[in-house]
N, C-alpha and C. Protein backbone atom coordinates (compact mmCIF):
# COMPACT_ATOMS: atom_id res chain seq x y z
N MET A 1 23.57 -59.75 99.22
CA MET A 1 24.57 -58.77 98.79
C MET A 1 25.63 -59.46 97.93
N ILE A 2 25.92 -58.84 96.82
CA ILE A 2 26.88 -59.45 95.89
C ILE A 2 28.26 -58.81 96.10
N PHE A 3 29.24 -59.68 96.32
CA PHE A 3 30.61 -59.19 96.50
C PHE A 3 31.35 -59.34 95.17
N ARG A 4 31.90 -58.29 94.71
CA ARG A 4 32.66 -58.31 93.47
C ARG A 4 34.15 -58.49 93.76
N GLY A 5 34.81 -59.23 92.89
CA GLY A 5 36.25 -59.42 93.05
C GLY A 5 37.01 -58.14 92.76
N LYS A 6 38.22 -58.12 93.20
CA LYS A 6 39.06 -56.94 92.98
C LYS A 6 39.31 -56.75 91.49
N ALA A 7 39.15 -55.55 91.02
CA ALA A 7 39.36 -55.26 89.60
C ALA A 7 40.81 -55.52 89.22
N PRO A 8 41.03 -56.13 88.04
CA PRO A 8 42.41 -56.38 87.62
C PRO A 8 43.19 -55.07 87.47
N ARG A 9 44.47 -55.15 87.75
CA ARG A 9 45.30 -53.95 87.65
C ARG A 9 45.48 -53.53 86.20
N THR A 10 45.51 -52.25 86.00
CA THR A 10 45.69 -51.73 84.65
C THR A 10 47.18 -51.78 84.28
N ARG A 11 47.43 -51.53 83.00
CA ARG A 11 48.80 -51.49 82.51
C ARG A 11 49.60 -50.43 83.26
N SER A 12 49.01 -49.26 83.43
CA SER A 12 49.70 -48.17 84.13
C SER A 12 50.02 -48.55 85.57
N GLU A 13 49.10 -49.22 86.23
CA GLU A 13 49.32 -49.64 87.62
C GLU A 13 50.43 -50.67 87.71
N LEU A 14 50.45 -51.59 86.76
CA LEU A 14 51.50 -52.63 86.76
C LEU A 14 52.88 -52.01 86.50
N ILE A 15 52.94 -51.05 85.59
CA ILE A 15 54.21 -50.39 85.30
C ILE A 15 54.69 -49.61 86.53
N ALA A 16 53.74 -48.92 87.19
CA ALA A 16 54.10 -48.17 88.39
C ALA A 16 54.60 -49.11 89.49
N GLU A 17 53.96 -50.25 89.61
CA GLU A 17 54.40 -51.25 90.59
C GLU A 17 55.80 -51.74 90.26
N ALA A 18 56.05 -51.99 88.99
CA ALA A 18 57.37 -52.44 88.56
C ALA A 18 58.43 -51.39 88.84
N GLU A 19 58.09 -50.13 88.59
CA GLU A 19 59.05 -49.05 88.83
C GLU A 19 59.39 -48.94 90.31
N ARG A 20 58.37 -49.06 91.16
CA ARG A 20 58.63 -48.99 92.61
C ARG A 20 59.50 -50.15 93.06
N ALA A 21 59.21 -51.34 92.54
CA ALA A 21 59.99 -52.51 92.92
C ALA A 21 61.44 -52.39 92.45
N ARG A 22 61.61 -51.89 91.24
CA ARG A 22 62.97 -51.72 90.71
C ARG A 22 63.75 -50.70 91.54
N ALA A 23 63.08 -49.61 91.93
CA ALA A 23 63.75 -48.57 92.72
C ALA A 23 64.20 -49.10 94.08
N LYS A 24 63.47 -50.08 94.58
CA LYS A 24 63.81 -50.67 95.88
C LYS A 24 64.77 -51.86 95.75
N GLY A 25 65.16 -52.17 94.53
CA GLY A 25 66.07 -53.29 94.31
C GLY A 25 65.38 -54.64 94.31
N ARG A 26 64.07 -54.65 94.22
CA ARG A 26 63.33 -55.90 94.20
C ARG A 26 63.14 -56.31 92.74
N ILE A 27 64.20 -56.82 92.18
CA ILE A 27 64.27 -57.05 90.74
C ILE A 27 63.26 -58.10 90.28
N LYS A 28 63.16 -59.20 91.00
CA LYS A 28 62.24 -60.26 90.58
C LYS A 28 60.79 -59.78 90.58
N LYS A 29 60.43 -58.98 91.57
CA LYS A 29 59.07 -58.43 91.62
C LYS A 29 58.83 -57.47 90.46
N ALA A 30 59.87 -56.69 90.12
CA ALA A 30 59.75 -55.77 88.99
C ALA A 30 59.57 -56.54 87.69
N VAL A 31 60.33 -57.60 87.53
CA VAL A 31 60.21 -58.44 86.33
C VAL A 31 58.79 -59.00 86.21
N GLU A 32 58.29 -59.49 87.32
CA GLU A 32 56.94 -60.07 87.32
C GLU A 32 55.89 -59.02 86.89
N ALA A 33 56.01 -57.82 87.43
CA ALA A 33 55.04 -56.77 87.10
C ALA A 33 55.16 -56.34 85.64
N TYR A 34 56.39 -56.19 85.14
CA TYR A 34 56.57 -55.82 83.74
C TYR A 34 55.99 -56.89 82.82
N ARG A 35 56.19 -58.15 83.18
CA ARG A 35 55.67 -59.24 82.34
C ARG A 35 54.14 -59.22 82.32
N LYS A 36 53.53 -58.93 83.45
CA LYS A 36 52.07 -58.84 83.49
C LYS A 36 51.58 -57.67 82.65
N ALA A 37 52.34 -56.58 82.66
CA ALA A 37 51.98 -55.44 81.82
C ALA A 37 52.07 -55.81 80.34
N LEU A 38 53.06 -56.63 79.99
CA LEU A 38 53.21 -57.06 78.60
C LEU A 38 52.08 -57.97 78.17
N GLU A 39 51.47 -58.67 79.11
CA GLU A 39 50.31 -59.50 78.76
C GLU A 39 49.17 -58.64 78.24
N LEU A 40 49.11 -57.41 78.71
CA LEU A 40 48.06 -56.50 78.27
C LEU A 40 48.42 -55.79 76.97
N GLU A 41 49.73 -55.63 76.72
CA GLU A 41 50.20 -55.00 75.47
C GLU A 41 51.53 -55.64 75.09
N PRO A 42 51.48 -56.83 74.46
CA PRO A 42 52.67 -57.66 74.25
C PRO A 42 53.83 -56.99 73.52
N GLY A 43 53.55 -56.11 72.58
CA GLY A 43 54.66 -55.56 71.80
C GLY A 43 55.17 -54.22 72.26
N ASP A 44 54.82 -53.80 73.46
CA ASP A 44 55.21 -52.46 73.93
C ASP A 44 56.74 -52.35 74.01
N PRO A 45 57.36 -51.54 73.15
CA PRO A 45 58.83 -51.46 73.15
C PRO A 45 59.40 -50.82 74.40
N VAL A 46 58.65 -49.91 75.02
CA VAL A 46 59.14 -49.25 76.23
C VAL A 46 59.24 -50.24 77.39
N ILE A 47 58.20 -51.06 77.54
CA ILE A 47 58.23 -52.06 78.62
C ILE A 47 59.32 -53.09 78.36
N HIS A 48 59.42 -53.55 77.11
CA HIS A 48 60.49 -54.52 76.78
C HIS A 48 61.86 -53.92 77.08
N GLY A 49 62.02 -52.64 76.77
CA GLY A 49 63.30 -51.98 77.02
C GLY A 49 63.64 -51.90 78.49
N LYS A 50 62.63 -51.77 79.35
CA LYS A 50 62.87 -51.74 80.79
C LYS A 50 63.06 -53.14 81.37
N LEU A 51 62.35 -54.09 80.77
CA LEU A 51 62.41 -55.47 81.26
C LEU A 51 63.74 -56.15 80.90
N ALA A 52 64.25 -55.91 79.70
CA ALA A 52 65.43 -56.63 79.19
C ALA A 52 66.63 -56.60 80.14
N PRO A 53 67.09 -55.43 80.60
CA PRO A 53 68.26 -55.42 81.49
C PRO A 53 68.00 -56.10 82.83
N LEU A 54 66.75 -56.09 83.26
CA LEU A 54 66.43 -56.78 84.53
C LEU A 54 66.50 -58.30 84.34
N LEU A 55 66.05 -58.77 83.20
CA LEU A 55 66.17 -60.19 82.90
C LEU A 55 67.64 -60.61 82.84
N ALA A 56 68.47 -59.75 82.29
CA ALA A 56 69.91 -60.04 82.25
C ALA A 56 70.48 -60.14 83.66
N ARG A 57 70.05 -59.25 84.53
CA ARG A 57 70.53 -59.26 85.92
C ARG A 57 70.07 -60.49 86.68
N THR A 58 68.93 -61.06 86.30
CA THR A 58 68.42 -62.25 86.98
C THR A 58 68.83 -63.54 86.25
N LYS A 59 69.90 -63.44 85.44
CA LYS A 59 70.50 -64.61 84.78
C LYS A 59 69.53 -65.29 83.81
N GLN A 60 68.82 -64.48 83.03
CA GLN A 60 67.94 -65.00 81.99
C GLN A 60 68.35 -64.40 80.65
N PRO A 61 69.53 -64.77 80.16
CA PRO A 61 70.10 -64.10 78.99
C PRO A 61 69.24 -64.20 77.73
N GLU A 62 68.70 -65.37 77.45
CA GLU A 62 67.91 -65.53 76.23
C GLU A 62 66.64 -64.69 76.28
N ALA A 63 65.99 -64.69 77.43
CA ALA A 63 64.79 -63.87 77.58
C ALA A 63 65.14 -62.39 77.47
N ALA A 64 66.29 -62.02 78.04
CA ALA A 64 66.74 -60.62 77.96
C ALA A 64 66.98 -60.21 76.51
N LEU A 65 67.65 -61.08 75.75
CA LEU A 65 67.92 -60.77 74.34
C LEU A 65 66.62 -60.64 73.55
N GLN A 66 65.66 -61.51 73.84
CA GLN A 66 64.38 -61.43 73.15
C GLN A 66 63.69 -60.10 73.44
N SER A 67 63.77 -59.65 74.69
CA SER A 67 63.14 -58.38 75.04
C SER A 67 63.87 -57.20 74.41
N PHE A 68 65.22 -57.26 74.40
CA PHE A 68 65.98 -56.20 73.73
C PHE A 68 65.57 -56.11 72.26
N GLN A 69 65.49 -57.28 71.60
CA GLN A 69 65.15 -57.29 70.18
C GLN A 69 63.72 -56.83 69.94
N ALA A 70 62.81 -57.22 70.84
CA ALA A 70 61.42 -56.79 70.72
C ALA A 70 61.31 -55.27 70.89
N ALA A 71 62.10 -54.74 71.82
CA ALA A 71 62.09 -53.28 72.06
C ALA A 71 62.60 -52.55 70.82
N ALA A 72 63.72 -53.02 70.26
CA ALA A 72 64.28 -52.37 69.07
C ALA A 72 63.32 -52.46 67.90
N LYS A 73 62.73 -53.63 67.69
CA LYS A 73 61.79 -53.81 66.58
C LYS A 73 60.58 -52.90 66.75
N GLY A 74 60.08 -52.83 67.98
CA GLY A 74 58.93 -51.97 68.23
C GLY A 74 59.21 -50.52 67.91
N HIS A 75 60.38 -50.05 68.29
CA HIS A 75 60.75 -48.66 68.00
C HIS A 75 60.92 -48.45 66.49
N LEU A 76 61.55 -49.43 65.82
CA LEU A 76 61.74 -49.30 64.37
C LEU A 76 60.41 -49.30 63.64
N ASP A 77 59.49 -50.14 64.09
CA ASP A 77 58.17 -50.20 63.45
C ASP A 77 57.44 -48.87 63.55
N LYS A 78 57.75 -48.10 64.58
CA LYS A 78 57.13 -46.80 64.76
C LYS A 78 57.95 -45.66 64.15
N GLY A 79 59.08 -46.04 63.53
CA GLY A 79 59.91 -45.04 62.86
C GLY A 79 60.91 -44.35 63.76
N PHE A 80 61.17 -44.94 64.94
CA PHE A 80 62.09 -44.32 65.89
C PHE A 80 63.45 -45.04 65.85
N ALA A 81 64.22 -44.80 64.80
CA ALA A 81 65.50 -45.48 64.64
C ALA A 81 66.48 -45.13 65.76
N ASP A 82 66.47 -43.88 66.20
CA ASP A 82 67.40 -43.47 67.26
C ASP A 82 67.14 -44.25 68.55
N LYS A 83 65.87 -44.49 68.85
CA LYS A 83 65.54 -45.27 70.05
C LYS A 83 65.98 -46.72 69.89
N ALA A 84 65.85 -47.25 68.67
CA ALA A 84 66.30 -48.62 68.41
C ALA A 84 67.82 -48.72 68.57
N ILE A 85 68.53 -47.69 68.12
CA ILE A 85 69.99 -47.67 68.28
C ILE A 85 70.36 -47.65 69.76
N ALA A 86 69.62 -46.88 70.55
CA ALA A 86 69.88 -46.82 71.99
C ALA A 86 69.66 -48.19 72.63
N VAL A 87 68.61 -48.90 72.18
CA VAL A 87 68.33 -50.23 72.72
C VAL A 87 69.46 -51.20 72.37
N TYR A 88 69.90 -51.19 71.12
CA TYR A 88 70.97 -52.11 70.71
C TYR A 88 72.30 -51.75 71.37
N THR A 89 72.51 -50.48 71.64
CA THR A 89 73.72 -50.07 72.36
C THR A 89 73.71 -50.68 73.76
N GLN A 90 72.57 -50.60 74.44
CA GLN A 90 72.45 -51.18 75.77
C GLN A 90 72.57 -52.71 75.71
N ALA A 91 71.98 -53.31 74.69
CA ALA A 91 72.05 -54.76 74.54
C ALA A 91 73.50 -55.21 74.32
N ALA A 92 74.22 -54.50 73.45
CA ALA A 92 75.61 -54.86 73.17
C ALA A 92 76.50 -54.66 74.40
N ASP A 93 76.23 -53.61 75.16
CA ASP A 93 77.00 -53.39 76.39
C ASP A 93 76.69 -54.47 77.43
N THR A 94 75.46 -54.97 77.41
CA THR A 94 75.06 -56.02 78.35
C THR A 94 75.63 -57.37 77.96
N PHE A 95 75.67 -57.64 76.65
CA PHE A 95 76.20 -58.91 76.13
C PHE A 95 77.30 -58.60 75.12
N PRO A 96 78.45 -58.14 75.60
CA PRO A 96 79.50 -57.64 74.69
C PRO A 96 80.15 -58.70 73.82
N HIS A 97 79.94 -59.97 74.13
CA HIS A 97 80.56 -61.02 73.32
C HIS A 97 79.63 -61.53 72.22
N ARG A 98 78.46 -60.91 72.09
CA ARG A 98 77.52 -61.27 71.02
C ARG A 98 77.80 -60.41 69.79
N VAL A 99 78.46 -61.03 68.81
CA VAL A 99 78.86 -60.31 67.61
C VAL A 99 77.66 -59.73 66.87
N ASP A 100 76.55 -60.47 66.84
CA ASP A 100 75.39 -60.03 66.09
C ASP A 100 74.83 -58.70 66.60
N LEU A 101 74.99 -58.44 67.90
CA LEU A 101 74.48 -57.18 68.44
C LEU A 101 75.30 -56.00 67.95
N TRP A 102 76.63 -56.15 67.91
CA TRP A 102 77.49 -55.08 67.40
C TRP A 102 77.22 -54.86 65.91
N GLN A 103 76.99 -55.95 65.18
CA GLN A 103 76.70 -55.82 63.75
C GLN A 103 75.37 -55.10 63.52
N GLN A 104 74.36 -55.47 64.32
CA GLN A 104 73.06 -54.82 64.17
C GLN A 104 73.15 -53.34 64.52
N LEU A 105 73.91 -53.04 65.56
CA LEU A 105 74.10 -51.64 65.96
C LEU A 105 74.77 -50.87 64.83
N ALA A 106 75.77 -51.47 64.21
CA ALA A 106 76.46 -50.82 63.09
C ALA A 106 75.51 -50.61 61.91
N GLN A 107 74.70 -51.61 61.61
CA GLN A 107 73.76 -51.50 60.50
C GLN A 107 72.75 -50.38 60.73
N LEU A 108 72.26 -50.29 61.96
CA LEU A 108 71.31 -49.22 62.28
C LEU A 108 71.96 -47.85 62.15
N SER A 109 73.20 -47.75 62.59
CA SER A 109 73.92 -46.48 62.46
C SER A 109 74.09 -46.11 60.99
N LEU A 110 74.41 -47.10 60.17
CA LEU A 110 74.56 -46.86 58.73
C LEU A 110 73.24 -46.41 58.11
N SER A 111 72.14 -47.01 58.58
CA SER A 111 70.84 -46.64 58.02
C SER A 111 70.50 -45.18 58.30
N LYS A 112 71.12 -44.62 59.34
CA LYS A 112 70.94 -43.21 59.65
C LYS A 112 71.99 -42.33 58.98
N GLY A 113 72.90 -42.97 58.23
CA GLY A 113 73.96 -42.23 57.57
C GLY A 113 75.13 -41.92 58.47
N HIS A 114 75.23 -42.63 59.60
CA HIS A 114 76.30 -42.38 60.57
C HIS A 114 77.41 -43.43 60.41
N ARG A 115 78.21 -43.28 59.38
CA ARG A 115 79.26 -44.26 59.10
C ARG A 115 80.31 -44.31 60.22
N VAL A 116 80.68 -43.17 60.76
CA VAL A 116 81.68 -43.15 61.83
C VAL A 116 81.16 -43.90 63.06
N ASP A 117 79.89 -43.73 63.38
CA ASP A 117 79.31 -44.45 64.52
C ASP A 117 79.29 -45.94 64.26
N ALA A 118 79.05 -46.33 63.01
CA ALA A 118 79.05 -47.75 62.66
C ALA A 118 80.44 -48.35 62.86
N VAL A 119 81.45 -47.63 62.39
CA VAL A 119 82.84 -48.10 62.57
C VAL A 119 83.17 -48.20 64.06
N ARG A 120 82.75 -47.19 64.81
CA ARG A 120 83.02 -47.18 66.25
C ARG A 120 82.36 -48.38 66.94
N ALA A 121 81.14 -48.70 66.54
CA ALA A 121 80.43 -49.84 67.14
C ALA A 121 81.17 -51.15 66.87
N LEU A 122 81.59 -51.34 65.63
CA LEU A 122 82.30 -52.57 65.27
C LEU A 122 83.63 -52.69 66.02
N LEU A 123 84.33 -51.57 66.16
CA LEU A 123 85.61 -51.60 66.88
C LEU A 123 85.41 -51.85 68.37
N ARG A 124 84.33 -51.31 68.93
CA ARG A 124 84.02 -51.60 70.34
C ARG A 124 83.76 -53.09 70.52
N GLY A 125 83.06 -53.67 69.55
CA GLY A 125 82.81 -55.11 69.62
C GLY A 125 84.10 -55.90 69.55
N ARG A 126 85.00 -55.50 68.62
CA ARG A 126 86.28 -56.21 68.50
C ARG A 126 87.07 -56.12 69.80
N PHE A 127 87.00 -54.98 70.49
CA PHE A 127 87.73 -54.79 71.74
C PHE A 127 87.36 -55.85 72.78
N HIS A 128 86.11 -56.28 72.76
CA HIS A 128 85.66 -57.26 73.75
C HIS A 128 86.01 -58.70 73.36
N LEU A 129 86.42 -58.90 72.12
CA LEU A 129 86.68 -60.26 71.64
C LEU A 129 88.16 -60.57 71.71
N SER A 130 88.63 -60.80 72.91
CA SER A 130 90.07 -60.99 73.12
C SER A 130 90.45 -62.44 73.38
N ARG A 131 89.46 -63.30 73.51
CA ARG A 131 89.77 -64.71 73.79
C ARG A 131 90.19 -65.44 72.52
N ARG A 132 90.94 -66.50 72.72
CA ARG A 132 91.44 -67.25 71.56
C ARG A 132 90.30 -67.79 70.71
N ASN A 133 89.24 -68.28 71.37
CA ASN A 133 88.12 -68.85 70.62
C ASN A 133 87.22 -67.79 69.99
N GLU A 134 87.57 -66.52 70.18
CA GLU A 134 86.79 -65.43 69.60
C GLU A 134 87.51 -64.75 68.43
N ARG A 135 88.65 -65.32 68.04
CA ARG A 135 89.43 -64.68 66.97
C ARG A 135 88.64 -64.55 65.67
N ARG A 136 87.91 -65.59 65.30
CA ARG A 136 87.18 -65.55 64.03
C ARG A 136 86.12 -64.46 64.05
N ASP A 137 85.47 -64.30 65.18
CA ASP A 137 84.48 -63.23 65.29
C ASP A 137 85.15 -61.86 65.22
N ALA A 138 86.32 -61.74 65.86
CA ALA A 138 87.06 -60.48 65.80
C ALA A 138 87.47 -60.17 64.37
N ILE A 139 87.92 -61.19 63.65
CA ILE A 139 88.30 -61.02 62.24
C ILE A 139 87.11 -60.55 61.42
N LEU A 140 85.95 -61.13 61.68
CA LEU A 140 84.74 -60.75 60.96
C LEU A 140 84.42 -59.26 61.16
N LEU A 141 84.50 -58.80 62.41
CA LEU A 141 84.20 -57.40 62.68
C LEU A 141 85.22 -56.47 62.05
N LEU A 142 86.50 -56.84 62.12
CA LEU A 142 87.54 -55.99 61.53
C LEU A 142 87.39 -55.90 60.01
N LYS A 143 87.02 -56.98 59.38
CA LYS A 143 86.81 -56.94 57.93
C LYS A 143 85.64 -56.02 57.58
N GLU A 144 84.62 -56.04 58.43
CA GLU A 144 83.48 -55.15 58.19
C GLU A 144 83.89 -53.69 58.38
N VAL A 145 84.78 -53.45 59.34
CA VAL A 145 85.28 -52.09 59.55
C VAL A 145 85.99 -51.60 58.28
N LEU A 146 86.83 -52.46 57.71
CA LEU A 146 87.62 -52.05 56.55
C LEU A 146 86.75 -51.86 55.30
N THR A 147 85.60 -52.50 55.24
CA THR A 147 84.70 -52.22 54.12
C THR A 147 84.12 -50.82 54.24
N LEU A 148 84.02 -50.33 55.46
CA LEU A 148 83.49 -48.98 55.69
C LEU A 148 84.58 -47.91 55.60
N ASP A 149 85.78 -48.28 56.05
CA ASP A 149 86.90 -47.32 56.01
C ASP A 149 88.20 -48.08 55.76
N PRO A 150 88.59 -48.25 54.50
CA PRO A 150 89.79 -49.02 54.16
C PRO A 150 91.10 -48.35 54.55
N SER A 151 91.04 -47.13 55.07
CA SER A 151 92.27 -46.39 55.34
C SER A 151 92.84 -46.62 56.74
N LEU A 152 92.17 -47.39 57.56
CA LEU A 152 92.56 -47.51 58.97
C LEU A 152 93.74 -48.48 59.14
N LEU A 153 94.91 -47.91 59.33
CA LEU A 153 96.13 -48.71 59.43
C LEU A 153 96.09 -49.65 60.63
N GLU A 154 95.73 -49.15 61.80
CA GLU A 154 95.75 -49.98 63.00
C GLU A 154 94.81 -51.18 62.86
N VAL A 155 93.71 -50.98 62.18
CA VAL A 155 92.77 -52.08 61.96
C VAL A 155 93.39 -53.13 61.06
N LYS A 156 94.09 -52.69 60.03
CA LYS A 156 94.75 -53.64 59.12
C LYS A 156 95.82 -54.45 59.85
N LEU A 157 96.57 -53.78 60.70
CA LEU A 157 97.63 -54.48 61.44
C LEU A 157 97.03 -55.49 62.41
N ASP A 158 95.99 -55.09 63.10
CA ASP A 158 95.30 -55.98 64.03
C ASP A 158 94.75 -57.19 63.29
N LEU A 159 94.10 -56.93 62.16
CA LEU A 159 93.52 -58.00 61.37
C LEU A 159 94.58 -58.96 60.86
N ALA A 160 95.69 -58.42 60.40
CA ALA A 160 96.76 -59.27 59.87
C ALA A 160 97.28 -60.23 60.93
N VAL A 161 97.51 -59.73 62.12
CA VAL A 161 98.02 -60.58 63.20
C VAL A 161 97.00 -61.67 63.56
N LEU A 162 95.72 -61.29 63.62
CA LEU A 162 94.68 -62.27 63.94
C LEU A 162 94.59 -63.34 62.84
N LEU A 163 94.67 -62.91 61.59
CA LEU A 163 94.63 -63.88 60.48
C LEU A 163 95.78 -64.87 60.59
N ALA A 164 96.97 -64.36 60.87
CA ALA A 164 98.13 -65.24 61.02
C ALA A 164 97.95 -66.21 62.17
N ASN A 165 97.42 -65.72 63.26
CA ASN A 165 97.19 -66.59 64.42
C ASN A 165 96.15 -67.67 64.14
N GLU A 166 95.27 -67.40 63.18
CA GLU A 166 94.26 -68.37 62.80
C GLU A 166 94.72 -69.27 61.66
N GLY A 167 96.02 -69.20 61.32
CA GLY A 167 96.56 -70.06 60.28
C GLY A 167 96.36 -69.52 58.87
N GLN A 168 95.95 -68.27 58.74
CA GLN A 168 95.73 -67.67 57.43
C GLN A 168 96.87 -66.69 57.12
N ARG A 169 98.09 -67.22 57.17
CA ARG A 169 99.28 -66.39 57.05
C ARG A 169 99.39 -65.72 55.68
N ALA A 170 99.02 -66.45 54.62
CA ALA A 170 99.12 -65.88 53.27
C ALA A 170 98.21 -64.65 53.13
N GLU A 171 97.01 -64.74 53.67
CA GLU A 171 96.09 -63.60 53.61
C GLU A 171 96.61 -62.43 54.44
N ALA A 172 97.22 -62.77 55.57
CA ALA A 172 97.78 -61.73 56.43
C ALA A 172 98.91 -60.98 55.72
N LEU A 173 99.81 -61.73 55.08
CA LEU A 173 100.93 -61.10 54.37
C LEU A 173 100.44 -60.29 53.17
N ALA A 174 99.41 -60.80 52.49
CA ALA A 174 98.86 -60.06 51.35
C ALA A 174 98.25 -58.73 51.81
N LEU A 175 97.69 -58.72 53.00
CA LEU A 175 97.12 -57.49 53.54
C LEU A 175 98.20 -56.47 53.88
N LEU A 176 99.35 -56.97 54.35
CA LEU A 176 100.42 -56.07 54.78
C LEU A 176 101.34 -55.63 53.64
N GLU A 177 101.42 -56.44 52.59
CA GLU A 177 102.41 -56.18 51.53
C GLU A 177 102.31 -54.77 50.95
N PRO A 178 101.12 -54.28 50.62
CA PRO A 178 101.05 -52.89 50.09
C PRO A 178 101.52 -51.85 51.09
N LEU A 179 101.40 -52.17 52.37
CA LEU A 179 101.77 -51.20 53.41
C LEU A 179 103.28 -51.08 53.57
N THR A 180 104.01 -52.05 53.05
CA THR A 180 105.48 -52.00 53.17
C THR A 180 106.06 -50.89 52.30
N ARG A 181 105.24 -50.33 51.41
CA ARG A 181 105.72 -49.25 50.55
C ARG A 181 105.48 -47.88 51.17
N GLU A 182 105.02 -47.88 52.42
CA GLU A 182 104.87 -46.61 53.14
C GLU A 182 106.25 -45.94 53.27
N PRO A 183 106.32 -44.63 53.22
CA PRO A 183 107.61 -43.96 53.41
C PRO A 183 108.12 -44.20 54.83
N PRO A 184 109.44 -44.14 55.03
CA PRO A 184 110.00 -44.36 56.37
C PRO A 184 109.33 -43.45 57.40
N GLY A 185 109.06 -44.04 58.54
CA GLY A 185 108.41 -43.26 59.60
C GLY A 185 107.64 -44.17 60.54
N PRO A 186 106.85 -43.63 61.43
CA PRO A 186 106.13 -44.42 62.43
C PRO A 186 105.22 -45.49 61.82
N LYS A 187 104.52 -45.15 60.72
CA LYS A 187 103.62 -46.12 60.11
C LYS A 187 104.40 -47.32 59.57
N ARG A 188 105.49 -47.02 58.90
CA ARG A 188 106.33 -48.09 58.33
C ARG A 188 106.86 -48.98 59.43
N ALA A 189 107.24 -48.40 60.55
CA ALA A 189 107.76 -49.18 61.67
C ALA A 189 106.69 -50.11 62.23
N LYS A 190 105.46 -49.62 62.31
CA LYS A 190 104.37 -50.46 62.81
C LYS A 190 104.10 -51.63 61.87
N VAL A 191 104.14 -51.36 60.57
CA VAL A 191 103.93 -52.42 59.59
C VAL A 191 105.03 -53.48 59.71
N ASN A 192 106.28 -53.03 59.83
CA ASN A 192 107.39 -53.98 59.93
C ASN A 192 107.33 -54.78 61.23
N TRP A 193 106.84 -54.17 62.29
CA TRP A 193 106.68 -54.91 63.55
C TRP A 193 105.61 -56.00 63.38
N ALA A 194 104.53 -55.68 62.70
CA ALA A 194 103.49 -56.68 62.44
C ALA A 194 104.05 -57.82 61.59
N LEU A 195 104.84 -57.47 60.58
CA LEU A 195 105.46 -58.50 59.74
C LEU A 195 106.38 -59.39 60.55
N LEU A 196 107.10 -58.81 61.48
CA LEU A 196 108.00 -59.59 62.33
C LEU A 196 107.22 -60.56 63.21
N ARG A 197 106.08 -60.12 63.71
CA ARG A 197 105.24 -60.98 64.54
C ARG A 197 104.66 -62.13 63.72
N ILE A 198 104.31 -61.83 62.47
CA ILE A 198 103.68 -62.84 61.62
C ILE A 198 104.70 -63.80 61.03
N SER A 199 105.83 -63.25 60.64
CA SER A 199 106.85 -64.06 59.97
C SER A 199 108.21 -63.76 60.56
N PRO A 200 108.51 -64.29 61.75
CA PRO A 200 109.79 -64.01 62.41
C PRO A 200 110.97 -64.52 61.58
N GLY A 201 112.02 -63.74 61.53
CA GLY A 201 113.21 -64.15 60.80
C GLY A 201 114.20 -63.01 60.73
N LEU A 202 115.39 -63.31 60.21
CA LEU A 202 116.43 -62.28 60.14
C LEU A 202 116.01 -61.12 59.24
N GLY A 203 115.37 -61.46 58.11
CA GLY A 203 114.99 -60.42 57.17
C GLY A 203 113.97 -59.45 57.76
N THR A 204 112.90 -60.01 58.33
CA THR A 204 111.87 -59.15 58.91
C THR A 204 112.39 -58.45 60.16
N GLY A 205 113.29 -59.13 60.88
CA GLY A 205 113.86 -58.51 62.08
C GLY A 205 114.72 -57.31 61.72
N TRP A 206 115.52 -57.48 60.68
CA TRP A 206 116.38 -56.38 60.25
C TRP A 206 115.56 -55.23 59.68
N ARG A 207 114.51 -55.57 58.94
CA ARG A 207 113.64 -54.54 58.38
C ARG A 207 112.99 -53.72 59.49
N TRP A 208 112.50 -54.42 60.52
CA TRP A 208 111.88 -53.70 61.64
C TRP A 208 112.91 -52.83 62.37
N LEU A 209 114.12 -53.37 62.59
CA LEU A 209 115.15 -52.62 63.31
C LEU A 209 115.52 -51.35 62.57
N ARG A 210 115.65 -51.42 61.25
CA ARG A 210 115.99 -50.25 60.48
C ARG A 210 114.90 -49.17 60.58
N SER A 211 113.65 -49.63 60.49
CA SER A 211 112.56 -48.64 60.55
C SER A 211 112.42 -48.05 61.94
N ALA A 212 112.73 -48.88 62.97
CA ALA A 212 112.68 -48.36 64.34
C ALA A 212 113.77 -47.33 64.58
N LEU A 213 114.98 -47.61 64.05
CA LEU A 213 116.08 -46.67 64.21
C LEU A 213 115.81 -45.37 63.44
N ALA A 214 115.11 -45.50 62.31
CA ALA A 214 114.84 -44.32 61.49
C ALA A 214 113.87 -43.36 62.20
N ARG A 215 113.14 -43.87 63.17
CA ARG A 215 112.18 -43.03 63.89
C ARG A 215 112.89 -42.11 64.89
N ARG A 216 114.13 -42.44 65.23
CA ARG A 216 114.82 -41.66 66.27
C ARG A 216 115.39 -40.37 65.70
């Protein structure tokens, strides 16, 4: 009598096993099952999309990023830009200090003609970059925002202060100088406050005080 070995599990069975393990909080077992499923279909964007956040939870950031990127690429290759945007949104939320993820998310939004969403993505990225060693990255994102919408006053003020803090005072002042011609009011007061922060002195202090009093 011939005994046959157990038939290898199918892709569907492995995915089902991974789903059950994930539902029970058995993350490592779920990761293992998803990876085995990928051996049968390496570029599956759906599996990569499910695997990526689990890899992040198990402290495997590089592997997680690779799976996020593979998922997005797989969706884009099939013409599903909206799904790719959803993947990059999750990736950026998972790794909020990765500037490239916010940039890629913005680029994908632009490719769909969603300029406001692109601006929103870049500003969300800047919000997470509050550390001193992240100033240059924050400056990069803010400059990209202004290329999309040059009218954003708060972005200009934020950028000017960051530039000054990074030793680029001349560029900061050049950015603010046209704004000093704003008519008296709340906007002018904000500009003068930024100038005071960048270049403290009696002149800038008096200018800010006058604009602040004019608001009352």
